[in-house]
C-alpha atoms as a PDB file:
ATOM      1  CA  MET A   1      -0.434   0.272   0.097  1.00  0.00           C
ATOM      2  CA  ILE A   2       3.020   2.612  -0.014  1.00  0.00           C
ATOM      3  CA  GLU A   3       2.489   3.183  -3.725  1.00  0.00           C
ATOM      4  CA  SER A   4      -0.980   5.037  -2.306  1.00  0.00           C
ATOM      5  CA  LEU A   5       1.172   7.826  -0.675  1.00  0.00           C
ATOM      6  CA  PRO A   6       0.835  10.155  -2.755  1.00  0.00           C
ATOM      7  CA  ALA A   7      -2.984  10.451  -2.780  1.00  0.00           C
ATOM      8  CA  ILE A   8      -2.423  10.732   1.025  1.00  0.00           C
ATOM      9  CA  THR A   9      -0.287  13.337   1.097  1.00  0.00           C
ATOM     10  CA  ALA A  10      -3.210  15.033  -0.822  1.00  0.00           C
ATOM     11  CA  ALA A  11      -5.971  14.319   1.031  1.00  0.00           C
ATOM     12  CA  LEU A  12      -4.242  15.428   4.026  1.00  0.00           C
ATOM     13  CA  ASP A  13      -3.651  18.556   1.400  1.00  0.00           C
ATOM     14  CA  GLU A  14      -7.439  18.568   0.827  1.00  0.00           C
ATOM     15  CA  GLN A  15      -9.316  17.799   4.133  1.00  0.00           C
ATOM     16  CA  GLU A  16     -10.528  19.810   7.253  1.00  0.00           C
ATOM     17  CA  ASP A  17     -11.677  17.515   9.511  1.00  0.00           C
ATOM     18  CA  PHE A  18      -9.842  14.204  10.344  1.00  0.00           C
ATOM     19  CA  VAL A  19     -10.807  11.551  12.805  1.00  0.00           C
ATOM     20  CA  LEU A  20      -7.452   9.352  14.582  1.00  0.00           C
ATOM     21  CA  VAL A  21      -8.771   5.799  15.568  1.00  0.00           C
ATOM     22  CA  ALA A  22      -6.358   3.687  17.521  1.00  0.00           C
ATOM     23  CA  HIS A  23      -7.218  -0.069  17.867  1.00  0.00           C
ATOM     24  CA  GLN A  24      -9.219  -2.061  20.690  1.00  0.00           C
ATOM     25  CA  ASP A  25      -7.558  -2.704  23.792  1.00  0.00           C
ATOM     26  CA  ALA A  26      -5.376   0.515  22.981  1.00  0.00           C
ATOM     27  CA  ASP A  27      -1.626  -0.467  23.558  1.00  0.00           C
ATOM     28  CA  ALA A  28       1.272   2.663  22.926  1.00  0.00           C
ATOM     29  CA  ASP A  29       1.987   1.953  19.945  1.00  0.00           C
ATOM     30  CA  SER A  30      -1.720   2.590  18.448  1.00  0.00           C
ATOM     31  CA  LEU A  31      -2.819   5.170  20.559  1.00  0.00           C
ATOM     32  CA  GLY A  32       0.873   6.758  20.696  1.00  0.00           C
ATOM     33  CA  SER A  33       0.847   6.968  16.845  1.00  0.00           C
ATOM     34  CA  ALA A  34      -2.597   8.220  16.635  1.00  0.00           C
ATOM     35  CA  LEU A  35      -1.776  11.148  19.659  1.00  0.00           C
ATOM     36  CA  ALA A  36       1.315  12.184  17.771  1.00  0.00           C
ATOM     37  CA  PHE A  37      -0.225  12.242  13.969  1.00  0.00           C
ATOM     38  CA  ALA A  38      -3.232  14.527  15.834  1.00  0.00           C
ATOM     39  CA  GLU A  39      -0.521  16.893  16.606  1.00  0.00           C
ATOM     40  CA  TYR A  40       0.607  16.952  13.494  1.00  0.00           C
ATOM     41  CA  LEU A  41      -2.589  17.787  11.936  1.00  0.00           C
ATOM     42  CA  ASP A  42      -3.649  20.327  14.928  1.00  0.00           C
ATOM     43  CA  GLN A  43      -0.175  22.195  13.492  1.00  0.00           C
ATOM     44  CA  ARG A  44      -1.512  22.274  10.174  1.00  0.00           C
ATOM     45  CA  GLY A  45      -4.592  23.853  11.360  1.00  0.00           C
ATOM     46  CA  LYS A  46      -7.202  20.405  11.147  1.00  0.00           C
ATOM     47  CA  ARG A  47      -9.882  19.465  12.976  1.00  0.00           C
ATOM     48  CA  VAL A  48      -8.761  16.796  14.625  1.00  0.00           C
ATOM     49  CA  ALA A  49     -10.871  13.660  16.813  1.00  0.00           C
ATOM     50  CA  VAL A  50      -9.125  11.215  18.178  1.00  0.00           C
ATOM     51  CA  LEU A  51     -10.798   8.030  19.284  1.00  0.00           C
ATOM     52  CA  ALA A  52     -10.155   4.361  20.431  1.00  0.00           C
ATOM     53  CA  PRO A  53     -13.057   1.671  21.759  1.00  0.00           C
ATOM     54  CA  LYS A  54     -13.778   1.885  24.922  1.00  0.00           C
ATOM     55  CA  PRO A  55     -12.747   1.268  27.587  1.00  0.00           C
ATOM     56  CA  VAL A  56      -9.273   2.710  26.907  1.00  0.00           C
ATOM     57  CA  PRO A  57      -6.427   1.213  29.291  1.00  0.00           C
ATOM     58  CA  GLN A  58      -5.798   3.935  32.088  1.00  0.00           C
ATOM     59  CA  GLY A  59      -1.921   2.858  32.371  1.00  0.00           C
ATOM     60  CA  LEU A  60      -1.372   4.565  29.097  1.00  0.00           C
ATOM     61  CA  SER A  61      -2.450   7.976  30.404  1.00  0.00           C
ATOM     62  CA  TYR A  62       1.157   9.151  30.976  1.00  0.00           C
ATOM     63  CA  LEU A  63       1.298   9.854  26.987  1.00  0.00           C
ATOM     64  CA  PRO A  64       1.179  13.235  25.965  1.00  0.00           C
ATOM     65  CA  GLY A  65      -2.719  14.350  24.934  1.00  0.00           C
ATOM     66  CA  PHE A  66      -4.479  11.403  26.119  1.00  0.00           C
ATOM     67  CA  ALA A  67      -6.956  13.569  27.771  1.00  0.00           C
ATOM     68  CA  ARG A  68      -8.450  14.583  24.395  1.00  0.00           C
ATOM     69  CA  VAL A  69      -8.977  10.895  23.640  1.00  0.00           C
ATOM     70  CA  ASN A  70     -12.882  10.047  23.281  1.00  0.00           C
ATOM     71  CA  ARG A  71     -13.752  13.919  23.549  1.00  0.00           C
ATOM     72  CA  GLU A  72     -15.371  14.039  20.381  1.00  0.00           C
ATOM     73  CA  GLU A  73     -17.211  11.808  18.192  1.00  0.00           C
ATOM     74  CA  ILE A  74     -16.897  10.823  14.238  1.00  0.00           C
ATOM     75  CA  SER A  75     -18.805  13.317  12.387  1.00  0.00           C
ATOM     76  CA  ALA A  76     -20.056  13.058   8.875  1.00  0.00           C
ATOM     77  CA  GLY A  77     -17.322  13.279   6.420  1.00  0.00           C
ATOM     78  CA  SER A  78     -14.554  13.180   8.048  1.00  0.00           C
ATOM     79  CA  THR A  79     -11.423  11.419   7.096  1.00  0.00           C
ATOM     80  CA  VAL A  80     -10.358   8.287   9.506  1.00  0.00           C
ATOM     81  CA  ILE A  81      -7.062   7.771   9.730  1.00  0.00           C
ATOM     82  CA  ALA A  82      -6.266   4.370  11.636  1.00  0.00           C
ATOM     83  CA  PHE A  83      -3.567   3.055  13.541  1.00  0.00           C
ATOM     84  CA  ASP A  84      -1.576  -0.276  13.872  1.00  0.00           C
ATOM     85  CA  ALA A  85      -4.279  -2.791  13.520  1.00  0.00           C
ATOM     86  CA  GLY A  86      -5.089  -5.376  10.174  1.00  0.00           C
ATOM     87  CA  SER A  87      -8.066  -5.800   9.873  1.00  0.00           C
ATOM     88  CA  PRO A  88     -12.064  -3.297  10.671  1.00  0.00           C
ATOM     89  CA  SER A  89     -12.765  -6.267  13.255  1.00  0.00           C
ATOM     90  CA  ARG A  90      -9.867  -5.098  15.713  1.00  0.00           C
ATOM     91  CA  PHE A  91     -11.162  -0.940  16.200  1.00  0.00           C
ATOM     92  CA  GLY A  92     -14.226  -3.246  17.635  1.00  0.00           C
ATOM     93  CA  ASP A  93     -17.548  -1.195  17.665  1.00  0.00           C
ATOM     94  CA  LEU A  94     -15.784   1.785  16.194  1.00  0.00           C
ATOM     95  CA  GLY A  95     -15.901  -0.468  13.226  1.00  0.00           C
ATOM     96  CA  PRO A  96     -18.791  -0.028  10.933  1.00  0.00           C
ATOM     97  CA  ARG A  97     -18.024   3.823  11.697  1.00  0.00           C
ATOM     98  CA  ILE A  98     -14.954   3.405  10.037  1.00  0.00           C
ATOM     99  CA  ALA A  99     -16.460   1.493   6.976  1.00  0.00           C
ATOM    100  CA  GLU A 100     -19.008   4.620   6.490  1.00  0.00           C
ATOM    101  CA  ALA A 101     -16.340   7.007   6.104  1.00  0.00           C
ATOM    102  CA  PRO A 102     -16.095   8.889   2.589  1.00  0.00           C
ATOM    103  CA  LEU A 103     -12.328   7.840   2.872  1.00  0.00           C
ATOM    104  CA  THR A 104     -10.135   5.604   5.375  1.00  0.00           C
ATOM    105  CA  ILE A 105      -6.310   5.665   5.895  1.00  0.00           C
ATOM    106  CA  LEU A 106      -4.183   3.334   7.032  1.00  0.00           C
ATOM    107  CA  PHE A 107      -1.066   3.356   9.054  1.00  0.00           C
ATOM    108  CA  ASP A 108       0.101  -0.118  10.292  1.00  0.00           C
ATOM    109  CA  HIS A 109       3.090  -2.766  10.360  1.00  0.00           C
ATOM    110  CA  HIS A 110       1.184  -6.188  11.262  1.00  0.00           C
ATOM    111  CA  ILE A 111       2.414  -9.057   9.011  1.00  0.00           C
ATOM    112  CA  SER A 112      -1.446  -9.857   9.092  1.00  0.00           C
ATOM    113  CA  ASN A 113      -2.419  -7.045   7.555  1.00  0.00           C
ATOM    114  CA  ASP A 114      -5.165  -8.029   4.884  1.00  0.00           C
ATOM    115  CA  GLY A 115      -5.456  -4.203   3.396  1.00  0.00           C
ATOM    116  CA  PHE A 116      -8.101  -2.716   4.443  1.00  0.00           C
ATOM    117  CA  GLY A 117      -8.815   1.010   3.372  1.00  0.00           C
ATOM    118  CA  ASP A 118      -8.943   3.533   1.032  1.00  0.00           C
ATOM    119  CA  LEU A 119      -5.350   4.254   1.120  1.00  0.00           C
ATOM    120  CA  GLY A 120      -2.350   3.598   3.505  1.00  0.00           C
ATOM    121  CA  VAL A 121       1.169   3.058   4.107  1.00  0.00           C
ATOM    122  CA  VAL A 122       1.812  -0.926   5.718  1.00  0.00           C
ATOM    123  CA  ASP A 123       5.161  -1.635   6.266  1.00  0.00           C
ATOM    124  CA  ARG A 124       5.220  -5.242   7.568  1.00  0.00           C
ATOM    125  CA  GLN A 125       8.911  -4.937   8.192  1.00  0.00           C
ATOM    126  CA  ALA A 126       8.613  -1.733  10.813  1.00  0.00           C
ATOM    127  CA  ALA A 127       9.207  -2.696  14.040  1.00  0.00           C
ATOM    128  CA  ALA A 128       6.070  -0.623  15.214  1.00  0.00           C
ATOM    129  CA  THR A 129       3.406   1.870  13.965  1.00  0.00           C
ATOM    130  CA  GLY A 130       5.866   4.417  15.658  1.00  0.00           C
ATOM    131  CA  MET A 131       8.298   4.226  13.020  1.00  0.00           C
ATOM    132  CA  VAL A 132       5.866   3.860   9.898  1.00  0.00           C
ATOM    133  CA  VAL A 133       4.349   7.624  11.067  1.00  0.00           C
ATOM    134  CA  LEU A 134       8.124   8.863  12.228  1.00  0.00           C
ATOM    135  CA  SER A 135       9.229   8.061   9.045  1.00  0.00           C
ATOM    136  CA  LEU A 136       6.227   9.608   7.037  1.00  0.00           C
ATOM    137  CA  LEU A 137       6.514  13.027   9.458  1.00  0.00           C
ATOM    138  CA  GLN A 138      10.350  13.557   8.451  1.00  0.00           C
ATOM    139  CA  SER A 139       9.499  12.964   4.710  1.00  0.00           C
ATOM    140  CA  TRP A 140       6.968  15.837   5.128  1.00  0.00           C
ATOM    141  CA  GLY A 141       9.408  18.013   6.968  1.00  0.00           C
ATOM    142  CA  ALA A 142       7.087  18.021  10.119  1.00  0.00           C
ATOM    143  CA  GLU A 143       8.417  19.553  13.210  1.00  0.00           C
ATOM    144  CA  ILE A 144       8.026  17.315  15.538  1.00  0.00           C
ATOM    145  CA  THR A 145       7.868  18.421  19.328  1.00  0.00           C
ATOM    146  CA  PRO A 146       8.551  16.511  22.478  1.00  0.00           C
ATOM    147  CA  ASP A 147       5.104  15.271  23.274  1.00  0.00           C
ATOM    148  CA  MET A 148       4.959  13.932  19.936  1.00  0.00           C
ATOM    149  CA  ALA A 149       8.456  12.499  19.991  1.00  0.00           C
ATOM    150  CA  THR A 150       7.281  11.066  23.749  1.00  0.00           C
ATOM    151  CA  ASN A 151       4.248   9.037  22.026  1.00  0.00           C
ATOM    152  CA  LEU A 152       6.428   8.156  19.059  1.00  0.00           C
ATOM    153  CA  TYR A 153       9.040   6.374  21.362  1.00  0.00           C
ATOM    154  CA  ALA A 154       6.540   4.823  23.319  1.00  0.00           C
ATOM    155  CA  ALA A 155       5.253   3.475  20.702  1.00  0.00           C
ATOM    156  CA  ILE A 156       8.454   1.626  19.540  1.00  0.00           C
ATOM    157  CA  PHE A 157       9.904   1.234  23.059  1.00  0.00           C
ATOM    158  CA  THR A 158       6.784  -0.903  24.093  1.00  0.00           C
ATOM    159  CA  ASP A 159       6.350  -2.485  20.437  1.00  0.00           C
ATOM    160  CA  THR A 160       9.966  -3.929  21.031  1.00  0.00           C
ATOM    161  CA  GLY A 161       9.070  -4.717  24.211  1.00  0.00           C
ATOM    162  CA  GLY A 162      11.804  -2.376  25.641  1.00  0.00           C
ATOM    163  CA  PHE A 163      14.230  -3.298  23.151  1.00  0.00           C
ATOM    164  CA  ARG A 164      14.385  -6.811  23.985  1.00  0.00           C
ATOM    165  CA  HIS A 165      12.058  -8.521  21.235  1.00  0.00           C
ATOM    166  CA  ASP A 166      13.947 -10.184  17.861  1.00  0.00           C
ATOM    167  CA  ASN A 167      12.402  -6.678  16.184  1.00  0.00           C
ATOM    168  CA  THR A 168      15.107  -4.448  17.590  1.00  0.00           C
ATOM    169  CA  SER A 169      17.639  -3.563  14.870  1.00  0.00           C
ATOM    170  CA  GLY A 170      19.954  -0.576  14.020  1.00  0.00           C
ATOM    171  CA  PRO A 171      17.287   1.626  12.418  1.00  0.00           C
ATOM    172  CA  VAL A 172      14.634   0.868  15.366  1.00  0.00           C
ATOM    173  CA  LEU A 173      17.400   1.785  17.945  1.00  0.00           C
ATOM    174  CA  HIS A 174      18.648   5.037  15.975  1.00  0.00           C
ATOM    175  CA  ALA A 175      14.869   6.198  15.915  1.00  0.00           C
ATOM    176  CA  ALA A 176      14.966   5.832  19.200  1.00  0.00           C
ATOM    177  CA  ALA A 177      17.891   8.347  19.847  1.00  0.00           C
ATOM    178  CA  GLU A 178      16.729  10.622  17.362  1.00  0.00           C
ATOM    179  CA  LEU A 179      13.310  11.171  19.487  1.00  0.00           C
ATOM    180  CA  VAL A 180      14.933  11.382  22.805  1.00  0.00           C
ATOM    181  CA  ASP A 181      17.202  14.032  21.099  1.00  0.00           C
ATOM    182  CA  LEU A 182      13.696  15.873  20.307  1.00  0.00           C
ATOM    183  CA  GLY A 183      12.357  15.906  23.637  1.00  0.00           C
ATOM    184  CA  ALA A 184      11.379  12.345  24.422  1.00  0.00           C
ATOM    185  CA  ASP A 185      12.268  11.137  28.321  1.00  0.00           C
ATOM    186  CA  PRO A 186      13.094   7.236  28.157  1.00  0.00           C
ATOM    187  CA  ALA A 187      13.273   6.346  31.622  1.00  0.00           C
ATOM    188  CA  PHE A 188      10.276   8.252  32.423  1.00  0.00           C
ATOM    189  CA  VAL A 189       8.321   5.900  29.266  1.00  0.00           C
ATOM    190  CA  ALA A 190      10.502   3.071  31.000  1.00  0.00           C
ATOM    191  CA  LEU A 191       9.046   3.498  33.964  1.00  0.00           C
ATOM    192  CA  ARG A 192       5.367   4.512  33.234  1.00  0.00           C
ATOM    193  CA  SER A 193       5.348   1.294  30.261  1.00  0.00           C
ATOM    194  CA  TYR A 194       6.906  -1.724  32.912  1.00  0.00           C
ATOM    195  CA  LYS A 195       7.177  -0.215  36.565  1.00  0.00           C
ATOM    196  CA  TRP A 196       4.184   1.475  37.542  1.00  0.00           C
ATOM    197  CA  ARG A 197       1.997  -0.886  38.223  1.00  0.00           C
ATOM    198  CA  PRO A 198      -1.064  -1.125  41.195  1.00  0.00           C
ATOM    199  CA  ALA A 199      -1.045  -3.924  43.712  1.00  0.00           C
ATOM    200  CA  SER A 200      -4.167  -5.781  42.241  1.00  0.00           C
ATOM    201  CA  THR A 201      -1.862  -6.313  38.644  1.00  0.00           C
ATOM    202  CA  LEU A 202       0.364  -7.933  41.040  1.00  0.00           C
ATOM    203  CA  ARG A 203      -2.005 -10.059  42.717  1.00  0.00           C
ATOM    204  CA  LEU A 204      -3.229 -11.107  39.481  1.00  0.00           C
ATOM    205  CA  GLN A 205      -0.458 -11.790  38.044  1.00  0.00           C
ATOM    206  CA  ALA A 206       0.498 -14.269  40.857  1.00  0.00           C
ATOM    207  CA  LEU A 207      -2.651 -15.805  40.254  1.00  0.00           C
ATOM    208  CA  ALA A 208      -1.972 -16.325  36.717  1.00  0.00           C
ATOM    209  CA  ALA A 209       1.715 -18.033  37.618  1.00  0.00           C
ATOM    210  CA  SER A 210       0.563 -19.864  40.064  1.00  0.00           C
ATOM    211  CA  ALA A 211      -2.577 -21.355  37.619  1.00  0.00           C
ATOM    212  CA  ALA A 212       0.257 -21.757  34.715  1.00  0.00           C
ATOM    213  CA  ARG A 213       0.306 -25.122  32.612  1.00  0.00           C
ATOM    214  CA  TYR A 214       3.670 -26.148  31.312  1.00  0.00           C
ATOM    215  CA  GLU A 215       3.570 -28.876  28.426  1.00  0.00           C
ATOM    216  CA  LEU A 216       6.298 -30.884  25.833  1.00  0.00           C
ATOM    217  CA  ASP A 217       8.789 -30.187  28.853  1.00  0.00           C
ATOM    218  CA  GLY A 218       8.365 -26.809  28.776  1.00  0.00           C
ATOM    219  CA  ARG A 219       8.329 -25.924  25.350  1.00  0.00           C
ATOM    220  CA  LEU A 220       4.281 -24.888  25.760  1.00  0.00           C
ATOM    221  CA  ILE A 221       3.198 -22.672  28.964  1.00  0.00           C
ATOM    222  CA  TRP A 222      -0.280 -21.611  29.344  1.00  0.00           C
ATOM    223  CA  THR A 223      -2.412 -19.917  31.510  1.00  0.00           C
ATOM    224  CA  ALA A 224      -5.651 -18.254  32.110  1.00  0.00           C
ATOM    225  CA  VAL A 225      -7.365 -15.539  33.522  1.00  0.00           C
ATOM    226  CA  THR A 226     -10.610 -15.556  34.768  1.00  0.00           C
ATOM    227  CA  GLN A 227     -13.792 -13.437  35.903  1.00  0.00           C
ATOM    228  CA  ARG A 228     -12.988 -15.021  39.343  1.00  0.00           C
ATOM    229  CA  MET A 229      -9.493 -14.325  39.545  1.00  0.00           C
ATOM    230  CA  LEU A 230     -10.147 -10.647  38.389  1.00  0.00           C
ATOM    231  CA  ARG A 231     -12.802 -10.380  41.119  1.00  0.00           C
ATOM    232  CA  GLU A 232      -9.986 -12.099  43.901  1.00  0.00           C
ATOM    233  CA  ALA A 233      -7.389  -9.724  42.633  1.00  0.00           C
ATOM    234  CA  GLY A 234      -9.622  -6.546  42.348  1.00  0.00           C
ATOM    235  CA  ALA A 235      -8.430  -5.667  38.940  1.00  0.00           C
ATOM    236  CA  ALA A 236      -9.675  -4.963  35.684  1.00  0.00           C
ATOM    237  CA  LEU A 237      -8.981  -6.399  32.561  1.00  0.00           C
ATOM    238  CA  GLU A 238      -6.985  -4.204  31.540  1.00  0.00           C
ATOM    239  CA  GLU A 239      -3.899  -5.261  34.025  1.00  0.00           C
ATOM    240  CA  THR A 240      -4.058  -8.632  32.180  1.00  0.00           C
ATOM    241  CA  GLU A 241      -0.973  -6.820  30.198  1.00  0.00           C
ATOM    242  CA  GLY A 242       2.360  -7.869  30.937  1.00  0.00           C
ATOM    243  CA  ILE A 243       0.851 -11.360  31.825  1.00  0.00           C
ATOM    244  CA  ILE A 244       2.197 -13.210  28.798  1.00  0.00           C
ATOM    245  CA  ASP A 245       5.806 -11.483  28.757  1.00  0.00           C
ATOM    246  CA  LEU A 246       6.012 -13.197  32.706  1.00  0.00           C
ATOM    247  CA  LEU A 247       5.568 -16.756  30.515  1.00  0.00           C
ATOM    248  CA  GLN A 248       7.755 -15.838  28.115  1.00  0.00           C
ATOM    249  CA  THR A 249      10.680 -15.733  30.459  1.00  0.00           C
ATOM    250  CA  LEU A 250      10.694 -19.106  30.734  1.00  0.00           C
ATOM    251  CA  ASP A 251      14.026 -20.994  29.381  1.00  0.00           C
ATOM    252  CA  THR A 252      12.295 -24.036  27.657  1.00  0.00           C
ATOM    253  CA  MET A 253       9.455 -22.215  25.849  1.00  0.00           C
ATOM    254  CA  LEU A 254       8.410 -22.029  22.397  1.00  0.00           C
ATOM    255  CA  CYS A 255       5.159 -21.152  23.055  1.00  0.00           C
ATOM    256  CA  ALA A 256       3.090 -19.165  25.255  1.00  0.00           C
ATOM    257  CA  VAL A 257      -0.388 -18.453  25.444  1.00  0.00           C
ATOM    258  CA  LEU A 258      -2.617 -16.401  27.867  1.00  0.00           C
ATOM    259  CA  PHE A 259      -7.079 -17.087  27.528  1.00  0.00           C
ATOM    260  CA  LYS A 260      -8.320 -13.977  28.950  1.00  0.00           C
ATOM    261  CA  GLU A 261     -12.097 -14.598  30.029  1.00  0.00           C
ATOM    262  CA  ALA A 262     -13.360 -10.994  28.838  1.00  0.00           C
ATOM    263  CA  GLY A 263     -17.266 -11.817  29.524  1.00  0.00           C
ATOM    264  CA  GLU A 264     -19.686 -14.290  28.910  1.00  0.00           C
ATOM    265  CA  GLY A 265     -18.845 -16.386  25.963  1.00  0.00           C
ATOM    266  CA  VAL A 266     -16.139 -14.094  25.006  1.00  0.00           C
ATOM    267  CA  THR A 267     -12.218 -15.219  25.357  1.00  0.00           C
ATOM    268  CA  LYS A 268      -9.351 -12.896  24.242  1.00  0.00           C
ATOM    269  CA  VAL A 269      -6.034 -14.752  23.509  1.00  0.00           C
ATOM    270  CA  SER A 270      -2.353 -13.430  23.310  1.00  0.00           C
ATOM    271  CA  LEU A 271       0.401 -16.174  22.317  1.00  0.00           C
ATOM    272  CA  ARG A 272       4.252 -15.452  22.184  1.00  0.00           C
ATOM    273  CA  THR A 273       6.616 -17.809  20.465  1.00  0.00           C
ATOM    274  CA  ARG A 274      10.457 -18.290  19.703  1.00  0.00           C
ATOM    275  CA  GLY A 275      12.402 -20.191  16.881  1.00  0.00           C
ATOM    276  CA  ARG A 276      10.317 -21.146  14.047  1.00  0.00           C
ATOM    277  CA  LEU A 277       7.007 -20.750  15.091  1.00  0.00           C
ATOM    278  CA  ALA A 278       4.754 -18.390  13.554  1.00  0.00           C
ATOM    279  CA  ALA A 279       2.703 -16.921  16.006  1.00  0.00           C
ATOM    280  CA  HIS A 280      -0.213 -15.391  13.795  1.00  0.00           C
ATOM    281  CA  GLU A 281      -0.665 -18.572  11.858  1.00  0.00           C
ATOM    282  CA  LEU A 282      -1.923 -20.314  15.050  1.00  0.00           C
ATOM    283  CA  VAL A 283      -4.424 -17.915  15.368  1.00  0.00           C
ATOM    284  CA  ALA A 284      -5.104 -17.015  11.429  1.00  0.00           C
ATOM    285  CA  ASP A 285      -7.991 -19.100  11.291  1.00  0.00           C
ATOM    286  CA  LEU A 286      -9.750 -17.814  13.999  1.00  0.00           C
ATOM    287  CA  GLY A 287      -9.867 -14.405  13.404  1.00  0.00           C
ATOM    288  CA  GLY A 288      -6.802 -13.401  14.758  1.00  0.00           C
ATOM    289  CA  GLY A 289      -3.679 -12.006  13.626  1.00  0.00           C
ATOM    290  CA  GLY A 290      -0.488 -10.047  14.389  1.00  0.00           C
ATOM    291  CA  HIS A 291       2.845 -10.624  13.930  1.00  0.00           C
ATOM    292  CA  PHE A 292       5.976 -13.691  13.536  1.00  0.00           C
ATOM    293  CA  ARG A 293       6.233 -13.684  17.575  1.00  0.00           C
ATOM    294  CA  ALA A 294       3.384 -12.176  19.052  1.00  0.00           C
ATOM    295  CA  ALA A 295      -0.285 -12.353  17.980  1.00  0.00           C
ATOM    296  CA  GLY A 296      -3.597 -12.227  19.170  1.00  0.00           C
ATOM    297  CA  ALA A 297      -7.341 -13.051  18.758  1.00  0.00           C
ATOM    298  CA  GLU A 298     -10.630 -12.214  20.323  1.00  0.00           C
ATOM    299  CA  LEU A 299     -13.196 -16.102  20.309  1.00  0.00           C
ATOM    300  CA  HIS A 300     -16.722 -15.667  20.420  1.00  0.00           C
ATOM    301  CA  SER A 301     -16.656 -18.561  23.148  1.00  0.00           C
ATOM    302  CA  GLY A 302     -16.492 -19.850  26.382  1.00  0.00           C
ATOM    303  CA  LEU A 303     -13.219 -20.297  28.009  1.00  0.00           C
ATOM    304  CA  LEU A 304     -12.822 -23.886  27.470  1.00  0.00           C
ATOM    305  CA  GLU A 305     -13.966 -23.725  24.125  1.00  0.00           C
ATOM    306  CA  ALA A 306     -11.250 -21.183  23.452  1.00  0.00           C
ATOM    307  CA  GLU A 307      -8.935 -23.247  25.237  1.00  0.00           C
ATOM    308  CA  GLU A 308      -9.624 -26.267  23.203  1.00  0.00           C
ATOM    309  CA  ALA A 309      -9.369 -24.624  19.822  1.00  0.00           C
ATOM    310  CA  VAL A 310      -5.992 -22.816  20.448  1.00  0.00           C
ATOM    311  CA  LEU A 311      -4.117 -25.243  22.385  1.00  0.00           C
ATOM    312  CA  ARG A 312      -4.560 -28.014  20.072  1.00  0.00           C
ATOM    313  CA  ARG A 313      -3.118 -25.929  17.218  1.00  0.00           C
ATOM    314  CA  ALA A 314      -0.339 -24.971  19.835  1.00  0.00           C
ATOM    315  CA  ARG A 315       0.905 -28.521  20.581  1.00  0.00           C
ATOM    316  CA  ALA A 316       0.597 -29.599  17.010  1.00  0.00           C
ATOM    317  CA  ALA A 317       3.175 -26.678  16.234  1.00  0.00           C
ATOM    318  CA  VAL A 318       5.204 -27.560  18.728  1.00  0.00           C
ATOM    319  CA  LEU A 319       5.343 -30.822  18.352  1.00  0.00           C
ATOM    320  CA  GLU A 320       6.080 -30.147  14.696  1.00  0.00           C
ATOM    321  CA  ALA A 321       8.632 -28.302  15.447  1.00  0.00           C
ATOM    322  CA  GLY A 322      10.849 -30.129  17.491  1.00  0.00           C
ATOM    323  CA  ALA A 323      10.484 -32.575  15.151  1.00  0.00           C
ATOM    324  CA  GLU A 324      12.300 -30.284  12.372  1.00  0.00           C
END
């Protein structure tokens, strides 16, 4: 979709009303990219609204401009710019409203992207959508303020797992350094991204870790967060963030799976893989997607049914990997 860049540039020049949308269960990459781009459009005198499906994780409240999220509605005729999602389904109840927009522009980096939208820049090699947005802003000669730099740094920092994932590269570290020079505070972003949790989150992580199952000599590790666990810990569903990272610290792990009982008949799934296992392929036929090392899905089924469906695929993939 990179060939649509001239048309995107023209649309940004010609249109006056924009709605920028982060994906469901927003993360720092989706929302940080949207907020940075919103400030760029502000500079150009455009009318801009920033939306994200509710509830918006309060752990992202440190992102500059967070208070503007969902302050306005989609107005008729607005151009929609969607960030960091491979399909319209990732925008939850905002998806149908996006589909009604006269023009939809997409900025993304997911390997599983299905190419939705009228125009877009999808760089499947980019470590984060924040990298895509940064490159565009630089190509347009935009003034990147400290707030924009913070949002883009948070996007890149978190989507590389704090520069720990194998999508961390020289260009990624160079971009991060540029953003620090432009005003991003790396210590602050690291603190708020990974070291700023309420006690309820720690209680929930302990419950999830104690319930973890180890299969196939520890090559497959999985656990589930139930509604009962959430009540016991006094935690919200968004506080499951970080549990999947805890699971993948296991030294023998090839595949880690986290199931989240989101409500009656709805189960959210997060996967992480090592070696040759492709995380996005494990959930592709379940309506999920993501990246080679990290993927997810929202299944409209109960917890036990979701566990059976995903674990069957995970076990087969781990066994196949062991036979190679």
